Amino acid sequence: MPADALLFSNSRPPGAAVPFAHAAEPLRAHLGDRTLWFAAWAGGDLDAYTGFVAEALENVLGPLDVRGLHREPDPAATIRDADPDRETVFVGGGNTFRLRRRTGDNGVLDALRQRTDLGYAGASAGSNLACPTIMTTNDMPIVDPGGYDAVGRIPVQINPHYLDPDPHSTHRGETREQRIQEFHEENAVAVIGLREGAWLLHRDDTLTLDGHTARLFRRGHEPAELAAGTDLTWLLATPTS
């Protein structure tokens, strides 16, 4: 049975001064006392990013053993050899295309696909990487990602940082909803627009939205509002292509 996946829209919702404080309880339950391998490859300065996340998590959860996966001589082997009872992985946010490129190049992407028994947490780009593809990211393709296929820990797509259309905006480009509709002109897989502060928890054979509201998009259906606490387990049986 696949291990838990805890997937955040972001690490700090609007108005929150402390990263991850809004999700202390699910993080505590997910991480336990395991060593946390942090994948910082969506960011620029990998050491600084790892240090920032380690400090933020420890401020919320207390002492943790957080290690930068990029510091390992063979990070893919570290994932392949990880003990799921003692270790877990957290994939950080940043640029999704850079994250896909780097994890593809160093073998971590394939290792994560193989280790479905290893706990996975992600925020923003890290949540995008947990989907079937990275095609519903909001990011600019600053590098050639080497492919769009991702880890596939859940069979639905996430659009993190989802923004509702602003009727008073003077912006004339596509809204987020219109971009997702374009995605569904070419793809069948459902998309969950996670507003800031929301997360998905895939545990055992269940999928649950919590933390905040979200919006569900399915090809051939009107968008649907989702309240925090909504059981989305039925989406686990939906097609991914």
Protein backbone atom coordinates (compact mmCIF):
# COMPACT_ATOMS: atom_id res chain seq x y z
CA MET A 1 0.00 0.00 0.00
CA PRO A 2 1.45 3.43 -0.91
CA ALA A 3 2.73 5.57 1.94
CA ASP A 4 1.07 8.86 2.83
CA ALA A 5 1.43 11.89 0.59
CA LEU A 6 0.85 15.34 2.12
CA LEU A 7 0.65 18.01 -0.57
CA PHE A 8 0.45 21.73 0.20
CA SER A 9 -0.47 24.66 -2.00
CA ASN A 10 2.15 26.67 -0.14
CA SER A 11 4.13 26.86 3.08
CA ARG A 12 2.69 30.12 4.35
CA PRO A 13 -0.88 31.30 3.65
CA PRO A 14 -1.71 35.04 3.51
CA GLY A 15 -1.50 36.71 6.90
CA ALA A 16 0.58 33.94 8.47
CA ALA A 17 3.97 35.05 9.79
CA VAL A 18 5.35 31.57 10.49
CA PRO A 19 5.82 29.05 7.67
CA PHE A 20 3.94 25.76 8.15
CA ALA A 21 2.22 26.96 11.33
CA HIS A 22 -1.18 26.49 9.65
CA ALA A 23 -0.42 22.80 9.12
CA ALA A 24 1.42 21.81 12.28
CA GLU A 25 -0.85 18.89 13.14
CA PRO A 26 -0.88 17.11 9.75
CA LEU A 27 2.88 17.65 9.45
CA ARG A 28 3.49 16.23 12.91
CA ALA A 29 1.38 13.18 12.10
CA HIS A 30 3.05 12.74 8.71
CA LEU A 31 6.67 13.20 9.74
CA GLY A 32 6.63 11.61 13.18
CA ASP A 33 10.23 11.21 14.36
CA ARG A 34 11.60 10.23 10.96
CA THR A 35 14.67 11.73 9.32
CA LEU A 36 13.44 14.18 6.69
CA TRP A 37 15.27 14.29 3.38
CA PHE A 38 14.59 17.71 1.92
CA ALA A 39 14.70 18.09 -1.87
CA ALA A 40 15.54 21.74 -2.57
CA TRP A 41 16.08 21.48 -6.35
CA ALA A 42 13.21 23.81 -7.27
CA GLY A 43 15.12 26.63 -5.61
CA GLY A 44 18.31 28.54 -6.36
CA ASP A 45 20.60 28.42 -3.30
CA LEU A 46 20.03 24.83 -2.19
CA ASP A 47 21.86 25.09 1.14
CA ALA A 48 20.08 28.29 2.13
CA TYR A 49 16.69 26.87 1.16
CA THR A 50 17.28 23.68 3.12
CA GLY A 51 18.35 25.69 6.16
CA PHE A 52 15.29 27.91 5.91
CA VAL A 53 12.90 24.94 5.77
CA ALA A 54 14.69 23.10 8.57
CA GLU A 55 14.43 26.16 10.84
CA ALA A 56 10.79 26.78 9.88
CA LEU A 57 9.74 23.20 10.59
CA GLU A 58 11.63 23.07 13.87
CA ASN A 59 9.99 26.32 14.99
CA VAL A 60 6.60 24.69 14.50
CA LEU A 61 7.25 21.05 15.36
CA GLY A 62 10.28 21.05 17.62
CA PRO A 63 13.60 19.28 16.99
CA LEU A 64 13.79 17.44 13.67
CA ASP A 65 16.52 15.67 11.74
CA VAL A 66 16.34 17.56 8.41
CA ARG A 67 18.98 16.73 5.80
CA GLY A 68 19.55 18.22 2.38
CA LEU A 69 19.18 15.51 -0.22
CA HIS A 70 21.37 17.52 -2.61
CA ARG A 71 24.30 17.03 -0.23
CA GLU A 72 24.27 13.26 -0.72
CA PRO A 73 26.90 11.77 -3.09
CA ASP A 74 24.13 9.79 -4.80
CA PRO A 75 20.74 11.26 -3.86
CA ALA A 76 18.84 8.71 -5.94
CA ALA A 77 20.51 5.87 -4.03
CA THR A 78 19.60 7.62 -0.76
CA ILE A 79 15.95 7.48 -1.80
CA ARG A 80 16.17 3.90 -3.06
CA ASP A 81 17.79 2.75 0.20
CA ALA A 82 15.62 4.78 2.60
CA ASP A 83 13.88 2.99 5.45
CA PRO A 84 10.21 4.11 5.35
CA ASP A 85 9.88 3.57 9.10
CA ARG A 86 12.78 5.92 9.79
CA GLU A 87 12.97 8.27 6.81
CA THR A 88 10.69 10.39 4.65
CA VAL A 89 11.05 12.97 1.87
CA PHE A 90 9.85 16.55 1.53
CA VAL A 91 10.04 18.22 -1.90
CA GLY A 92 10.14 21.99 -1.65
CA GLY A 93 8.67 24.73 -3.81
CA GLY A 94 10.21 27.04 -6.35
CA ASN A 95 10.30 26.54 -10.10
CA THR A 96 8.62 23.31 -11.16
CA PHE A 97 10.46 23.07 -14.49
CA ARG A 98 13.83 23.34 -12.75
CA LEU A 99 12.73 20.76 -10.19
CA ARG A 100 11.66 18.33 -12.93
CA ARG A 101 14.91 18.86 -14.82
CA ARG A 102 17.18 18.33 -11.84
CA THR A 103 15.38 15.33 -10.38
CA GLY A 104 15.22 13.77 -13.81
CA ASP A 105 18.94 14.30 -14.38
CA ASN A 106 20.07 12.97 -10.99
CA GLY A 107 17.75 9.95 -10.90
CA VAL A 108 15.66 11.11 -7.94
CA LEU A 109 12.52 11.28 -10.08
CA ASP A 110 12.73 7.60 -10.98
CA ALA A 111 13.69 6.68 -7.41
CA LEU A 112 10.62 8.47 -6.04
CA ARG A 113 8.41 6.68 -8.57
CA GLN A 114 9.75 3.34 -7.38
CA ARG A 115 9.51 4.10 -3.65
CA THR A 116 5.75 4.32 -3.25
CA ASP A 117 6.25 2.98 0.28
CA LEU A 118 8.20 6.10 1.28
CA GLY A 119 6.30 9.03 2.78
CA TYR A 120 6.14 12.07 0.51
CA ALA A 121 5.40 15.68 1.43
CA GLY A 122 5.50 18.60 -0.98
CA ALA A 123 4.73 22.28 -1.24
CA SER A 124 3.91 24.17 -4.44
CA ALA A 125 6.36 22.80 -7.05
CA GLY A 126 6.91 19.77 -4.82
CA SER A 127 3.17 19.12 -4.92
CA ASN A 128 3.18 19.50 -8.71
CA LEU A 129 5.88 16.83 -8.87
CA ALA A 130 3.64 14.39 -6.99
CA CYS A 131 1.04 14.52 -9.79
CA PRO A 132 0.95 12.50 -13.01
CA THR A 133 2.57 15.43 -14.83
CA ILE A 134 3.82 18.94 -14.08
CA MET A 135 1.52 20.45 -16.71
CA THR A 136 -0.70 22.36 -14.25
CA THR A 137 2.08 24.37 -12.62
CA ASN A 138 1.94 28.16 -12.74
CA ASP A 139 5.68 28.54 -13.34
CA MET A 140 7.66 29.92 -16.26
CA PRO A 141 9.72 27.25 -18.09
CA ILE A 142 13.13 28.71 -17.21
CA VAL A 143 14.78 25.43 -18.27
CA ASP A 144 13.89 22.53 -20.53
CA PRO A 145 12.41 20.10 -17.97
CA GLY A 146 13.38 17.02 -19.96
CA GLY A 147 9.77 15.83 -19.94
CA TYR A 148 6.49 16.62 -18.24
CA ASP A 149 5.79 13.27 -16.59
CA ALA A 150 6.16 13.37 -12.82
CA VAL A 151 6.10 11.03 -9.82
CA GLY A 152 2.41 10.10 -9.96
CA ARG A 153 1.78 9.67 -6.23
CA ILE A 154 -1.79 10.82 -6.82
CA PRO A 155 -3.84 10.31 -10.02
CA VAL A 156 -5.06 13.92 -10.19
CA GLN A 157 -3.37 17.20 -11.04
CA ILE A 158 -2.80 20.05 -8.60
CA ASN A 159 -2.80 23.73 -9.45
CA PRO A 160 -1.19 25.32 -6.37
CA HIS A 161 -1.72 28.95 -5.39
CA TYR A 162 -5.07 28.86 -7.18
CA LEU A 163 -6.51 32.34 -7.78
CA ASP A 164 -10.15 33.04 -8.48
CA PRO A 165 -11.04 35.43 -11.32
CA ASP A 166 -11.15 39.04 -10.11
CA PRO A 167 -14.13 40.80 -11.71
CA HIS A 168 -12.52 44.18 -10.98
CA SER A 169 -9.13 43.40 -12.49
CA THR A 170 -7.93 45.23 -15.60
CA HIS A 171 -5.83 42.21 -16.59
CA ARG A 172 -6.90 40.88 -19.99
CA GLY A 173 -4.88 37.67 -20.10
CA GLU A 174 -6.28 34.24 -19.29
CA THR A 175 -7.52 33.63 -15.77
CA ARG A 176 -6.36 30.53 -13.92
CA GLU A 177 -9.73 28.93 -14.60
CA GLN A 178 -9.36 29.56 -18.33
CA ARG A 179 -5.88 28.03 -18.36
CA ILE A 180 -7.19 24.91 -16.67
CA GLN A 181 -10.01 24.76 -19.20
CA GLU A 182 -7.36 24.84 -21.92
CA PHE A 183 -5.59 21.97 -20.19
CA HIS A 184 -8.84 19.99 -20.36
CA GLU A 185 -9.12 20.60 -24.08
CA GLU A 186 -6.12 18.27 -24.37
CA ASN A 187 -6.18 16.14 -21.19
CA ALA A 188 -8.78 14.19 -19.22
CA VAL A 189 -7.21 14.11 -15.75
CA ALA A 190 -9.00 16.12 -13.05
CA VAL A 191 -7.37 19.26 -11.62
CA ILE A 192 -7.69 20.50 -8.05
CA GLY A 193 -7.04 24.23 -7.68
CA LEU A 194 -5.60 24.52 -4.17
CA ARG A 195 -6.08 27.95 -2.66
CA GLU A 196 -3.43 29.24 -0.28
CA GLY A 197 -3.52 27.38 3.01
CA ALA A 198 -5.05 24.22 1.53
CA TRP A 199 -3.53 20.76 1.30
CA LEU A 200 -4.36 17.26 0.11
CA LEU A 201 -3.71 14.16 2.19
CA HIS A 202 -3.49 10.81 0.41
CA ARG A 203 -3.55 8.17 3.13
CA ASP A 204 -4.18 4.47 2.58
CA ASP A 205 -6.98 4.42 0.00
CA THR A 206 -8.35 7.89 0.80
CA LEU A 207 -7.83 11.42 -0.50
CA THR A 208 -8.92 14.39 1.62
CA LEU A 209 -8.83 18.16 1.20
CA ASP A 210 -8.11 20.19 4.31
CA GLY A 211 -6.81 23.52 5.57
CA HIS A 212 -8.83 25.69 3.21
CA THR A 213 -11.19 25.53 0.26
CA ALA A 214 -10.33 24.42 -3.27
CA ARG A 215 -11.89 24.22 -6.70
CA LEU A 216 -12.33 21.04 -8.70
CA PHE A 217 -12.09 21.02 -12.48
CA ARG A 218 -13.11 18.04 -14.61
CA ARG A 219 -13.40 17.85 -18.35
CA GLY A 220 -17.05 18.03 -19.38
CA HIS A 221 -18.20 19.31 -15.96
CA GLU A 222 -18.74 22.72 -14.42
CA PRO A 223 -16.10 23.71 -11.83
CA ALA A 224 -17.08 22.69 -8.30
CA GLU A 225 -16.32 24.35 -4.97
CA LEU A 226 -14.74 22.11 -2.34
CA ALA A 227 -14.93 22.81 1.39
CA ALA A 228 -12.12 21.98 3.79
CA GLY A 229 -12.62 18.43 4.99
CA THR A 230 -14.07 17.19 1.69
CA ASP A 231 -13.53 13.49 1.00
CA LEU A 232 -12.13 13.18 -2.53
CA THR A 233 -11.42 9.47 -2.44
CA TRP A 234 -13.66 8.91 -5.45
CA LEU A 235 -11.11 10.83 -7.57
CA LEU A 236 -8.55 8.09 -7.02
CA ALA A 237 -10.45 5.98 -9.57
CA THR A 238 -10.63 8.66 -12.27
CA PRO A 239 -8.64 8.32 -15.52
CA THR A 240 -5.27 10.05 -15.84
CA SER A 241 -5.23 10.37 -19.61
